[in-house]
């Protein structure tokens, strides 16, 4: 009986994540996303990529929030549009 209950919990249950771990995961995803966007954006005056810090600042100013249920690669397009429209 216990093994059936355990299997049911594993199939339908959700993993609870602590606040610090969640914050770390979001910060890590945000950094990865900013890095991917920075690789694709070039400053027209210098022909060099924008620094990751500048992209992160633009994301904050644009009010962009990362989606934790999506990968960084899948969010690059929407992030790029949000950053370039500000």
N, C-alpha and C. Protein backbone atom coordinates (compact mmCIF):
# COMPACT_ATOMS: atom_id res chain seq x y z
N UNK A 1 0.82 -1.19 0.00
CA UNK A 1 0.00 0.00 0.00
C UNK A 1 0.86 1.26 0.00
N UNK A 2 1.94 1.23 0.76
CA UNK A 2 2.82 2.40 0.84
C UNK A 2 3.48 2.69 -0.49
N UNK A 3 3.88 1.68 -1.20
CA UNK A 3 4.53 1.90 -2.49
C UNK A 3 3.56 2.51 -3.50
N UNK A 4 2.28 2.14 -3.43
CA UNK A 4 1.29 2.73 -4.32
C UNK A 4 1.10 4.21 -4.01
N UNK A 5 1.06 4.53 -2.74
CA UNK A 5 0.91 5.93 -2.33
C UNK A 5 2.13 6.74 -2.77
N UNK A 6 3.30 6.16 -2.61
CA UNK A 6 4.53 6.84 -3.02
C UNK A 6 4.54 7.07 -4.52
N UNK A 7 4.16 6.10 -5.29
CA UNK A 7 4.10 6.25 -6.75
C UNK A 7 3.11 7.33 -7.15
N UNK A 8 1.96 7.36 -6.47
CA UNK A 8 0.94 8.37 -6.77
C UNK A 8 1.47 9.78 -6.49
N UNK A 9 2.15 9.94 -5.36
CA UNK A 9 2.72 11.25 -5.01
C UNK A 9 3.77 11.66 -6.02
N UNK A 10 4.62 10.74 -6.43
CA UNK A 10 5.66 11.05 -7.40
C UNK A 10 5.08 11.41 -8.77
N UNK A 11 3.98 10.80 -9.14
CA UNK A 11 3.36 11.09 -10.43
C UNK A 11 2.62 12.42 -10.43
N UNK A 12 1.91 12.75 -9.35
CA UNK A 12 1.05 13.92 -9.35
C UNK A 12 1.53 15.05 -8.45
N UNK A 13 2.51 14.79 -7.64
CA UNK A 13 2.96 15.80 -6.69
C UNK A 13 3.89 16.82 -7.33
N UNK A 14 4.13 17.91 -6.60
CA UNK A 14 5.03 18.96 -7.05
C UNK A 14 6.16 19.10 -6.04
N UNK A 15 7.32 19.43 -6.53
CA UNK A 15 8.47 19.63 -5.66
C UNK A 15 8.39 21.02 -5.08
N UNK A 16 8.52 21.12 -3.77
CA UNK A 16 8.51 22.42 -3.12
C UNK A 16 9.93 22.96 -3.09
N UNK A 17 10.09 24.20 -3.49
CA UNK A 17 11.40 24.82 -3.56
C UNK A 17 11.44 25.97 -2.56
N UNK A 18 12.56 26.07 -1.84
CA UNK A 18 12.71 27.15 -0.88
C UNK A 18 12.87 28.49 -1.55
N UNK A 19 12.63 29.56 -0.79
CA UNK A 19 12.68 30.92 -1.34
C UNK A 19 14.08 31.27 -1.87
N UNK A 20 15.11 30.93 -1.12
CA UNK A 20 16.47 31.25 -1.55
C UNK A 20 16.85 30.49 -2.81
N UNK A 21 16.44 29.24 -2.89
CA UNK A 21 16.72 28.44 -4.08
C UNK A 21 15.98 29.00 -5.29
N UNK A 22 14.74 29.41 -5.09
CA UNK A 22 13.94 30.01 -6.17
C UNK A 22 14.58 31.30 -6.65
N UNK A 23 15.00 32.16 -5.71
CA UNK A 23 15.66 33.41 -6.07
C UNK A 23 16.95 33.15 -6.85
N UNK A 24 17.71 32.15 -6.41
CA UNK A 24 18.95 31.80 -7.11
C UNK A 24 18.66 31.31 -8.53
N UNK A 25 17.64 30.47 -8.66
CA UNK A 25 17.28 29.95 -9.98
C UNK A 25 16.84 31.08 -10.92
N UNK A 26 16.06 32.02 -10.40
CA UNK A 26 15.59 33.14 -11.22
C UNK A 26 16.76 34.03 -11.62
N UNK A 27 17.65 34.31 -10.67
CA UNK A 27 18.82 35.15 -10.97
C UNK A 27 19.72 34.48 -12.00
N UNK A 28 19.88 33.18 -11.86
CA UNK A 28 20.70 32.43 -12.81
C UNK A 28 20.08 32.44 -14.21
N UNK A 29 18.77 32.22 -14.28
CA UNK A 29 18.07 32.25 -15.56
C UNK A 29 18.13 33.63 -16.19
N UNK A 30 17.97 34.67 -15.37
CA UNK A 30 18.03 36.05 -15.85
C UNK A 30 19.41 36.36 -16.42
N UNK A 31 20.46 35.91 -15.75
CA UNK A 31 21.83 36.13 -16.20
C UNK A 31 22.08 35.39 -17.52
N UNK A 32 21.63 34.16 -17.60
CA UNK A 32 21.79 33.38 -18.83
C UNK A 32 21.05 34.04 -19.99
N UNK A 33 19.85 34.51 -19.72
CA UNK A 33 19.05 35.18 -20.74
C UNK A 33 19.72 36.46 -21.22
N UNK A 34 20.23 37.26 -20.28
CA UNK A 34 20.92 38.49 -20.63
C UNK A 34 22.17 38.19 -21.46
N UNK A 35 22.87 37.12 -21.13
CA UNK A 35 24.06 36.73 -21.88
C UNK A 35 23.69 36.36 -23.31
N UNK A 36 22.62 35.60 -23.48
CA UNK A 36 22.19 35.20 -24.83
C UNK A 36 21.77 36.42 -25.66
N UNK A 37 21.06 37.35 -25.03
CA UNK A 37 20.63 38.56 -25.74
C UNK A 37 21.85 39.40 -26.11
N UNK A 38 22.79 39.52 -25.17
CA UNK A 38 24.00 40.32 -25.42
C UNK A 38 24.81 39.77 -26.59
N UNK A 39 24.80 38.47 -26.76
CA UNK A 39 25.53 37.85 -27.88
C UNK A 39 24.91 38.23 -29.23
N UNK A 40 23.63 38.56 -29.23
CA UNK A 40 22.94 38.85 -30.48
C UNK A 40 22.79 40.35 -30.77
N UNK A 41 23.08 41.19 -29.78
CA UNK A 41 22.91 42.64 -29.95
C UNK A 41 24.27 43.32 -30.13
N UNK A 42 24.34 44.22 -31.09
CA UNK A 42 25.59 44.93 -31.37
C UNK A 42 25.33 46.43 -31.28
N UNK A 43 26.24 47.12 -30.61
CA UNK A 43 26.15 48.58 -30.51
C UNK A 43 26.52 49.15 -31.88
N UNK A 44 25.60 49.87 -32.54
CA UNK A 44 25.86 50.35 -33.90
C UNK A 44 27.03 51.34 -33.99
N UNK A 45 27.30 52.06 -32.92
CA UNK A 45 28.39 53.04 -32.99
C UNK A 45 29.77 52.41 -32.87
N UNK A 46 29.87 51.29 -32.12
CA UNK A 46 31.19 50.66 -31.93
C UNK A 46 31.32 49.31 -32.64
N UNK A 47 30.20 48.78 -33.11
CA UNK A 47 30.18 47.46 -33.75
C UNK A 47 30.65 46.35 -32.79
N UNK A 48 30.45 46.57 -31.49
CA UNK A 48 30.81 45.58 -30.48
C UNK A 48 29.55 45.15 -29.73
N UNK A 49 29.55 43.94 -29.19
CA UNK A 49 28.37 43.48 -28.44
C UNK A 49 28.15 44.34 -27.19
N UNK A 50 26.89 44.50 -26.81
CA UNK A 50 26.57 45.20 -25.58
C UNK A 50 27.02 44.35 -24.39
N UNK A 51 27.47 44.99 -23.31
CA UNK A 51 27.83 44.23 -22.11
C UNK A 51 26.58 43.59 -21.48
N UNK A 52 26.77 42.46 -20.84
CA UNK A 52 25.67 41.74 -20.21
C UNK A 52 25.01 42.61 -19.15
N UNK A 53 25.80 43.37 -18.40
CA UNK A 53 25.25 44.25 -17.37
C UNK A 53 24.31 45.28 -17.94
N UNK A 54 24.62 45.78 -19.12
CA UNK A 54 23.76 46.77 -19.76
C UNK A 54 22.44 46.13 -20.19
N UNK A 55 22.50 44.90 -20.66
CA UNK A 55 21.29 44.19 -21.06
C UNK A 55 20.43 43.91 -19.82
N UNK A 56 21.06 43.51 -18.71
CA UNK A 56 20.32 43.27 -17.48
C UNK A 56 19.63 44.55 -17.00
N UNK A 57 20.32 45.66 -17.08
CA UNK A 57 19.74 46.94 -16.68
C UNK A 57 18.56 47.29 -17.58
N UNK A 58 18.71 47.08 -18.88
CA UNK A 58 17.62 47.35 -19.82
C UNK A 58 16.42 46.45 -19.55
N UNK A 59 16.68 45.20 -19.18
CA UNK A 59 15.60 44.27 -18.85
C UNK A 59 14.83 44.78 -17.63
N UNK A 60 15.56 45.27 -16.64
CA UNK A 60 14.93 45.80 -15.43
C UNK A 60 14.11 47.03 -15.75
N UNK A 61 14.70 47.96 -16.53
CA UNK A 61 13.99 49.18 -16.90
C UNK A 61 12.74 48.90 -17.73
N UNK A 62 12.81 47.86 -18.56
CA UNK A 62 11.66 47.50 -19.39
C UNK A 62 10.60 46.74 -18.59
N UNK A 63 10.95 46.35 -17.37
CA UNK A 63 10.00 45.61 -16.53
C UNK A 63 9.84 44.17 -16.97
N UNK A 64 10.85 43.63 -17.63
CA UNK A 64 10.77 42.25 -18.11
C UNK A 64 11.01 41.27 -16.97
N UNK A 65 10.14 40.30 -16.83
CA UNK A 65 10.34 39.26 -15.83
C UNK A 65 10.49 37.92 -16.53
N UNK A 66 11.47 37.15 -16.10
CA UNK A 66 11.74 35.86 -16.74
C UNK A 66 10.65 34.87 -16.37
N UNK A 67 10.39 33.96 -17.28
CA UNK A 67 9.41 32.90 -17.04
C UNK A 67 10.18 31.67 -16.60
N UNK A 68 9.96 31.24 -15.38
CA UNK A 68 10.72 30.12 -14.84
C UNK A 68 10.35 28.79 -15.47
N UNK A 69 9.20 28.72 -16.10
CA UNK A 69 8.78 27.47 -16.72
C UNK A 69 9.27 27.34 -18.17
N UNK A 70 10.03 28.33 -18.65
CA UNK A 70 10.57 28.28 -20.01
C UNK A 70 12.08 28.40 -19.95
N UNK A 71 12.74 27.87 -20.97
CA UNK A 71 14.19 27.96 -21.03
C UNK A 71 14.62 29.36 -21.45
N UNK A 72 15.87 29.68 -21.18
CA UNK A 72 16.40 31.00 -21.55
C UNK A 72 16.37 31.17 -23.07
N UNK A 73 16.72 30.13 -23.79
CA UNK A 73 16.75 30.22 -25.26
C UNK A 73 15.37 30.54 -25.83
N UNK A 74 14.33 29.98 -25.23
CA UNK A 74 12.98 30.23 -25.75
C UNK A 74 12.48 31.64 -25.42
N UNK A 75 13.14 32.33 -24.50
CA UNK A 75 12.72 33.67 -24.12
C UNK A 75 13.54 34.78 -24.76
N UNK A 76 14.55 34.42 -25.53
CA UNK A 76 15.44 35.42 -26.13
C UNK A 76 14.67 36.40 -27.01
N UNK A 77 13.78 35.91 -27.84
CA UNK A 77 13.04 36.78 -28.76
C UNK A 77 12.21 37.83 -28.06
N UNK A 78 11.44 37.39 -27.05
CA UNK A 78 10.59 38.35 -26.33
C UNK A 78 11.43 39.32 -25.51
N UNK A 79 12.53 38.83 -24.97
CA UNK A 79 13.42 39.72 -24.21
C UNK A 79 14.03 40.76 -25.13
N UNK A 80 14.48 40.33 -26.29
CA UNK A 80 15.10 41.25 -27.26
C UNK A 80 14.11 42.33 -27.65
N UNK A 81 12.87 41.94 -27.93
CA UNK A 81 11.85 42.94 -28.29
C UNK A 81 11.58 43.90 -27.14
N UNK A 82 11.54 43.40 -25.92
CA UNK A 82 11.28 44.26 -24.76
C UNK A 82 12.41 45.26 -24.56
N UNK A 83 13.62 44.80 -24.71
CA UNK A 83 14.80 45.66 -24.48
C UNK A 83 14.94 46.69 -25.58
N UNK A 84 14.71 46.31 -26.83
CA UNK A 84 14.90 47.26 -27.93
C UNK A 84 13.75 48.26 -28.06
N UNK A 85 12.61 47.96 -27.47
CA UNK A 85 11.49 48.89 -27.56
C UNK A 85 11.56 50.00 -26.52
N UNK A 86 12.50 49.90 -25.56
CA UNK A 86 12.61 50.95 -24.52
C UNK A 86 13.47 52.09 -24.98
